[in-house]
N, C-alpha and C. Protein backbone atom coordinates (compact mmCIF):
# COMPACT_ATOMS: atom_id res chain seq x y z
N MET A 1 9.94 -10.99 5.21
CA MET A 1 9.49 -9.62 4.94
C MET A 1 10.67 -8.76 4.50
N ARG A 2 10.39 -7.84 3.64
CA ARG A 2 11.41 -6.89 3.16
C ARG A 2 11.21 -5.57 3.90
N ARG A 3 11.76 -5.46 5.08
CA ARG A 3 11.55 -4.28 5.91
C ARG A 3 12.86 -3.88 6.55
N ILE A 4 13.13 -2.58 6.59
CA ILE A 4 14.32 -2.07 7.28
C ILE A 4 14.06 -2.19 8.78
N GLU A 5 14.91 -2.92 9.46
CA GLU A 5 14.72 -3.12 10.90
C GLU A 5 15.76 -2.34 11.71
N VAL A 6 16.95 -2.19 11.14
CA VAL A 6 18.02 -1.47 11.83
C VAL A 6 18.55 -0.42 10.87
N HIS A 7 18.72 0.80 11.38
CA HIS A 7 19.19 1.91 10.56
C HIS A 7 20.21 2.69 11.37
N PRO A 8 21.28 3.20 10.75
CA PRO A 8 22.33 3.90 11.51
C PRO A 8 21.89 5.24 12.09
N ILE A 9 20.84 5.85 11.56
CA ILE A 9 20.42 7.17 12.03
C ILE A 9 19.01 7.14 12.62
N LEU A 10 18.10 6.48 11.95
CA LEU A 10 16.70 6.46 12.36
C LEU A 10 16.43 5.37 13.39
N THR A 11 15.47 5.61 14.25
CA THR A 11 14.99 4.57 15.15
C THR A 11 13.53 4.30 14.83
N PHE A 12 13.14 3.06 14.94
CA PHE A 12 11.78 2.67 14.63
C PHE A 12 11.12 2.15 15.90
N THR A 13 9.96 2.70 16.20
CA THR A 13 9.21 2.19 17.34
C THR A 13 8.39 0.99 16.87
N THR A 14 8.40 -0.05 17.67
CA THR A 14 7.66 -1.25 17.32
C THR A 14 6.19 -1.04 17.67
N LYS A 15 5.35 -1.30 16.70
CA LYS A 15 3.91 -1.18 16.90
C LYS A 15 3.27 -2.56 16.81
N ARG A 16 2.01 -2.59 17.10
CA ARG A 16 1.26 -3.85 17.09
C ARG A 16 1.15 -4.39 15.67
N LYS A 17 1.43 -5.68 15.51
CA LYS A 17 1.26 -6.33 14.21
C LYS A 17 -0.22 -6.49 13.92
N ILE A 18 -0.59 -6.24 12.67
CA ILE A 18 -1.97 -6.41 12.25
C ILE A 18 -2.01 -7.25 10.98
N ARG A 19 -3.19 -7.72 10.66
CA ARG A 19 -3.39 -8.49 9.42
C ARG A 19 -4.32 -7.70 8.51
N PHE A 20 -4.03 -7.77 7.21
CA PHE A 20 -4.87 -7.13 6.20
C PHE A 20 -4.89 -8.04 4.98
N LEU A 21 -5.79 -7.77 4.05
CA LEU A 21 -5.88 -8.58 2.84
C LEU A 21 -5.42 -7.78 1.63
N PHE A 22 -4.58 -8.40 0.81
CA PHE A 22 -4.19 -7.83 -0.47
C PHE A 22 -4.59 -8.83 -1.54
N GLU A 23 -5.50 -8.41 -2.43
CA GLU A 23 -5.99 -9.29 -3.48
C GLU A 23 -6.48 -10.62 -2.89
N GLY A 24 -7.08 -10.56 -1.70
CA GLY A 24 -7.62 -11.75 -1.05
C GLY A 24 -6.62 -12.56 -0.25
N LYS A 25 -5.35 -12.19 -0.30
CA LYS A 25 -4.30 -12.92 0.42
C LYS A 25 -3.97 -12.19 1.72
N GLU A 26 -3.93 -12.93 2.82
CA GLU A 26 -3.63 -12.33 4.11
C GLU A 26 -2.17 -11.94 4.21
N MET A 27 -1.93 -10.73 4.70
CA MET A 27 -0.58 -10.21 4.90
C MET A 27 -0.49 -9.54 6.26
N GLU A 28 0.74 -9.27 6.69
CA GLU A 28 0.96 -8.60 7.97
C GLU A 28 1.59 -7.23 7.76
N GLY A 29 1.25 -6.33 8.65
CA GLY A 29 1.85 -5.01 8.67
C GLY A 29 1.88 -4.52 10.10
N TYR A 30 2.28 -3.28 10.30
CA TYR A 30 2.29 -2.69 11.62
C TYR A 30 1.27 -1.56 11.68
N GLU A 31 0.48 -1.58 12.71
CA GLU A 31 -0.59 -0.61 12.88
C GLU A 31 -0.10 0.82 12.64
N GLY A 32 -0.79 1.53 11.76
CA GLY A 32 -0.48 2.93 11.50
C GLY A 32 0.56 3.19 10.43
N GLU A 33 1.27 2.17 9.97
CA GLU A 33 2.25 2.43 8.90
C GLU A 33 1.49 2.64 7.60
N PRO A 34 2.08 3.33 6.64
CA PRO A 34 1.40 3.51 5.35
C PRO A 34 1.12 2.17 4.68
N ILE A 35 -0.01 2.08 4.00
CA ILE A 35 -0.38 0.86 3.29
C ILE A 35 0.75 0.45 2.35
N ALA A 36 1.28 1.40 1.60
CA ALA A 36 2.34 1.11 0.62
C ALA A 36 3.56 0.48 1.29
N SER A 37 3.92 0.96 2.45
CA SER A 37 5.07 0.42 3.16
C SER A 37 4.83 -1.03 3.56
N ALA A 38 3.63 -1.31 4.05
CA ALA A 38 3.28 -2.69 4.43
C ALA A 38 3.30 -3.60 3.21
N LEU A 39 2.81 -3.12 2.08
CA LEU A 39 2.80 -3.92 0.86
C LEU A 39 4.22 -4.23 0.39
N VAL A 40 5.08 -3.22 0.35
CA VAL A 40 6.46 -3.42 -0.09
C VAL A 40 7.16 -4.41 0.84
N ALA A 41 6.91 -4.30 2.15
CA ALA A 41 7.52 -5.22 3.10
C ALA A 41 7.07 -6.66 2.85
N ASN A 42 5.91 -6.82 2.24
CA ASN A 42 5.39 -8.15 1.91
C ASN A 42 5.73 -8.57 0.48
N GLY A 43 6.56 -7.78 -0.21
CA GLY A 43 7.02 -8.15 -1.54
C GLY A 43 6.16 -7.66 -2.69
N VAL A 44 5.15 -6.83 -2.41
CA VAL A 44 4.28 -6.32 -3.47
C VAL A 44 4.94 -5.09 -4.10
N THR A 45 5.06 -5.08 -5.42
CA THR A 45 5.68 -3.94 -6.09
C THR A 45 4.75 -3.24 -7.08
N MET A 46 3.67 -3.91 -7.50
CA MET A 46 2.72 -3.28 -8.43
C MET A 46 1.46 -2.88 -7.68
N PHE A 47 1.14 -1.60 -7.73
CA PHE A 47 -0.02 -1.08 -7.01
C PHE A 47 -1.19 -0.79 -7.93
N ARG A 48 -0.89 -0.40 -9.16
CA ARG A 48 -1.97 -0.06 -10.09
C ARG A 48 -1.47 -0.20 -11.52
N GLU A 49 -2.41 -0.12 -12.46
CA GLU A 49 -2.07 -0.06 -13.88
C GLU A 49 -2.46 1.32 -14.38
N SER A 50 -1.66 1.88 -15.27
CA SER A 50 -2.03 3.17 -15.86
C SER A 50 -3.33 2.97 -16.64
N PRO A 51 -4.25 3.94 -16.56
CA PRO A 51 -5.58 3.77 -17.15
C PRO A 51 -5.58 3.55 -18.67
N ASP A 52 -4.72 4.21 -19.39
CA ASP A 52 -4.78 4.13 -20.85
C ASP A 52 -3.91 3.01 -21.43
N LEU A 53 -2.67 2.93 -21.01
CA LEU A 53 -1.75 1.95 -21.59
C LEU A 53 -1.60 0.68 -20.74
N HIS A 54 -2.21 0.65 -19.56
CA HIS A 54 -2.20 -0.51 -18.67
C HIS A 54 -0.78 -0.93 -18.26
N ARG A 55 0.04 0.06 -18.01
CA ARG A 55 1.41 -0.21 -17.56
C ARG A 55 1.43 -0.27 -16.04
N PRO A 56 2.28 -1.12 -15.47
CA PRO A 56 2.32 -1.24 -14.01
C PRO A 56 2.91 0.01 -13.35
N ARG A 57 2.36 0.35 -12.21
CA ARG A 57 2.84 1.48 -11.41
C ARG A 57 3.08 0.98 -9.99
N GLY A 58 4.06 1.55 -9.33
CA GLY A 58 4.38 1.13 -7.96
C GLY A 58 4.68 2.32 -7.09
N PHE A 59 5.35 2.06 -6.00
CA PHE A 59 5.73 3.08 -5.02
C PHE A 59 6.68 4.06 -5.70
N PHE A 60 6.35 5.37 -5.70
CA PHE A 60 7.20 6.33 -6.40
C PHE A 60 7.59 7.49 -5.50
N CYS A 61 6.70 8.46 -5.28
CA CYS A 61 7.10 9.67 -4.55
C CYS A 61 7.07 9.49 -3.03
N ALA A 62 6.17 8.67 -2.54
CA ALA A 62 6.04 8.37 -1.11
C ALA A 62 5.62 9.56 -0.25
N ILE A 63 5.10 10.63 -0.88
CA ILE A 63 4.64 11.79 -0.10
C ILE A 63 3.25 12.28 -0.53
N GLY A 64 2.56 11.49 -1.34
CA GLY A 64 1.19 11.82 -1.71
C GLY A 64 1.02 12.78 -2.86
N ASN A 65 2.08 13.05 -3.62
CA ASN A 65 1.99 14.01 -4.72
C ASN A 65 1.68 13.39 -6.08
N CYS A 66 2.02 12.14 -6.28
CA CYS A 66 1.78 11.52 -7.58
C CYS A 66 0.56 10.59 -7.48
N SER A 67 0.30 9.85 -8.52
CA SER A 67 -0.83 8.92 -8.50
C SER A 67 -0.38 7.47 -8.67
N SER A 68 0.91 7.22 -8.56
CA SER A 68 1.43 5.87 -8.79
C SER A 68 0.94 4.85 -7.77
N CYS A 69 0.62 5.28 -6.58
CA CYS A 69 0.23 4.34 -5.53
C CYS A 69 -1.28 4.24 -5.34
N PHE A 70 -2.07 4.82 -6.24
CA PHE A 70 -3.53 4.71 -6.13
C PHE A 70 -3.93 3.24 -6.10
N MET A 71 -4.75 2.88 -5.13
CA MET A 71 -5.27 1.52 -5.04
C MET A 71 -6.72 1.57 -4.57
N ASN A 72 -7.40 0.44 -4.71
CA ASN A 72 -8.74 0.30 -4.14
C ASN A 72 -8.58 -0.19 -2.71
N VAL A 73 -9.11 0.56 -1.76
CA VAL A 73 -9.00 0.19 -0.36
C VAL A 73 -10.40 0.16 0.24
N ASP A 74 -10.77 -1.00 0.75
CA ASP A 74 -12.10 -1.20 1.33
C ASP A 74 -13.20 -0.72 0.37
N GLY A 75 -13.02 -1.01 -0.93
CA GLY A 75 -14.01 -0.66 -1.93
C GLY A 75 -13.96 0.77 -2.43
N ARG A 76 -13.02 1.56 -1.92
CA ARG A 76 -12.88 2.96 -2.34
C ARG A 76 -11.69 3.10 -3.29
N PRO A 77 -11.89 3.64 -4.50
CA PRO A 77 -10.79 3.78 -5.45
C PRO A 77 -9.95 5.03 -5.17
N ASN A 78 -8.81 5.10 -5.83
CA ASN A 78 -7.92 6.28 -5.81
C ASN A 78 -7.40 6.65 -4.43
N VAL A 79 -7.17 5.65 -3.60
CA VAL A 79 -6.61 5.90 -2.27
C VAL A 79 -5.09 6.01 -2.41
N ARG A 80 -4.53 7.08 -1.91
CA ARG A 80 -3.07 7.27 -1.94
C ARG A 80 -2.46 6.42 -0.82
N THR A 81 -1.99 5.25 -1.21
CA THR A 81 -1.54 4.30 -0.19
C THR A 81 -0.22 4.68 0.47
N CYS A 82 0.50 5.62 -0.10
CA CYS A 82 1.77 6.02 0.52
C CYS A 82 1.56 6.90 1.74
N ILE A 83 0.36 7.47 1.89
CA ILE A 83 0.11 8.34 3.05
C ILE A 83 -1.11 7.89 3.87
N THR A 84 -1.74 6.79 3.47
CA THR A 84 -2.90 6.29 4.20
C THR A 84 -2.48 5.18 5.15
N PRO A 85 -2.76 5.34 6.45
CA PRO A 85 -2.36 4.31 7.42
C PRO A 85 -3.13 3.00 7.24
N ILE A 86 -2.43 1.91 7.46
CA ILE A 86 -3.06 0.59 7.37
C ILE A 86 -3.83 0.31 8.65
N LYS A 87 -4.91 -0.43 8.51
CA LYS A 87 -5.74 -0.79 9.65
C LYS A 87 -6.03 -2.29 9.61
N GLU A 88 -6.29 -2.83 10.77
CA GLU A 88 -6.64 -4.25 10.90
C GLU A 88 -7.80 -4.59 9.98
N GLY A 89 -7.66 -5.68 9.21
CA GLY A 89 -8.73 -6.18 8.36
C GLY A 89 -8.96 -5.42 7.06
N MET A 90 -8.16 -4.41 6.79
CA MET A 90 -8.32 -3.61 5.58
C MET A 90 -8.19 -4.51 4.35
N GLN A 91 -9.00 -4.22 3.32
CA GLN A 91 -8.94 -4.97 2.07
C GLN A 91 -8.37 -4.06 0.98
N VAL A 92 -7.24 -4.46 0.43
CA VAL A 92 -6.51 -3.66 -0.55
C VAL A 92 -6.45 -4.42 -1.86
N GLN A 93 -6.70 -3.71 -2.96
CA GLN A 93 -6.66 -4.34 -4.28
C GLN A 93 -5.95 -3.44 -5.27
N VAL A 94 -5.28 -4.08 -6.25
CA VAL A 94 -4.66 -3.35 -7.36
C VAL A 94 -5.76 -2.59 -8.10
N GLN A 95 -5.49 -1.35 -8.45
CA GLN A 95 -6.44 -0.56 -9.23
C GLN A 95 -6.11 -0.69 -10.70
N ARG A 96 -7.06 -1.20 -11.48
CA ARG A 96 -6.83 -1.46 -12.90
C ARG A 96 -7.64 -0.55 -13.80
N ASP A 97 -8.17 0.51 -13.28
CA ASP A 97 -8.97 1.45 -14.09
C ASP A 97 -8.82 2.86 -13.52
N LYS A 98 -9.69 3.75 -13.91
CA LYS A 98 -9.61 5.14 -13.44
C LYS A 98 -10.20 5.32 -12.06
N GLY A 99 -10.75 4.28 -11.49
CA GLY A 99 -11.26 4.37 -10.14
C GLY A 99 -12.68 4.89 -10.04
N VAL A 100 -13.60 4.20 -10.64
CA VAL A 100 -15.01 4.60 -10.59
C VAL A 100 -15.66 3.97 -9.37
N LEU A 101 -16.40 4.77 -8.61
CA LEU A 101 -17.12 4.23 -7.46
C LEU A 101 -18.21 3.31 -7.94
N GLY A 102 -18.36 2.15 -7.27
CA GLY A 102 -19.35 1.17 -7.71
C GLY A 102 -20.59 1.13 -6.90
């Protein structure tokens, strides 16, 4: 996993490990951490494609102001994964369109 475990200033409280699905593949994260953080820790760097030019987008602002981290989460499009907590069994998918509800 690509996760900061030791930091000279910050301390991290250990939370319960959970499992979630990304594109059908099982991954691990920590309960309550942002979805984007769990994905990056598992090596995922592409979260969505731009709607018009289909360019890859990834983790950018990390505070919920941009749209780079929009993903489909549990069938819901346009979820800001940088500020949405991960939950056990959550299903996360790359968003490849404008996010139309189905």
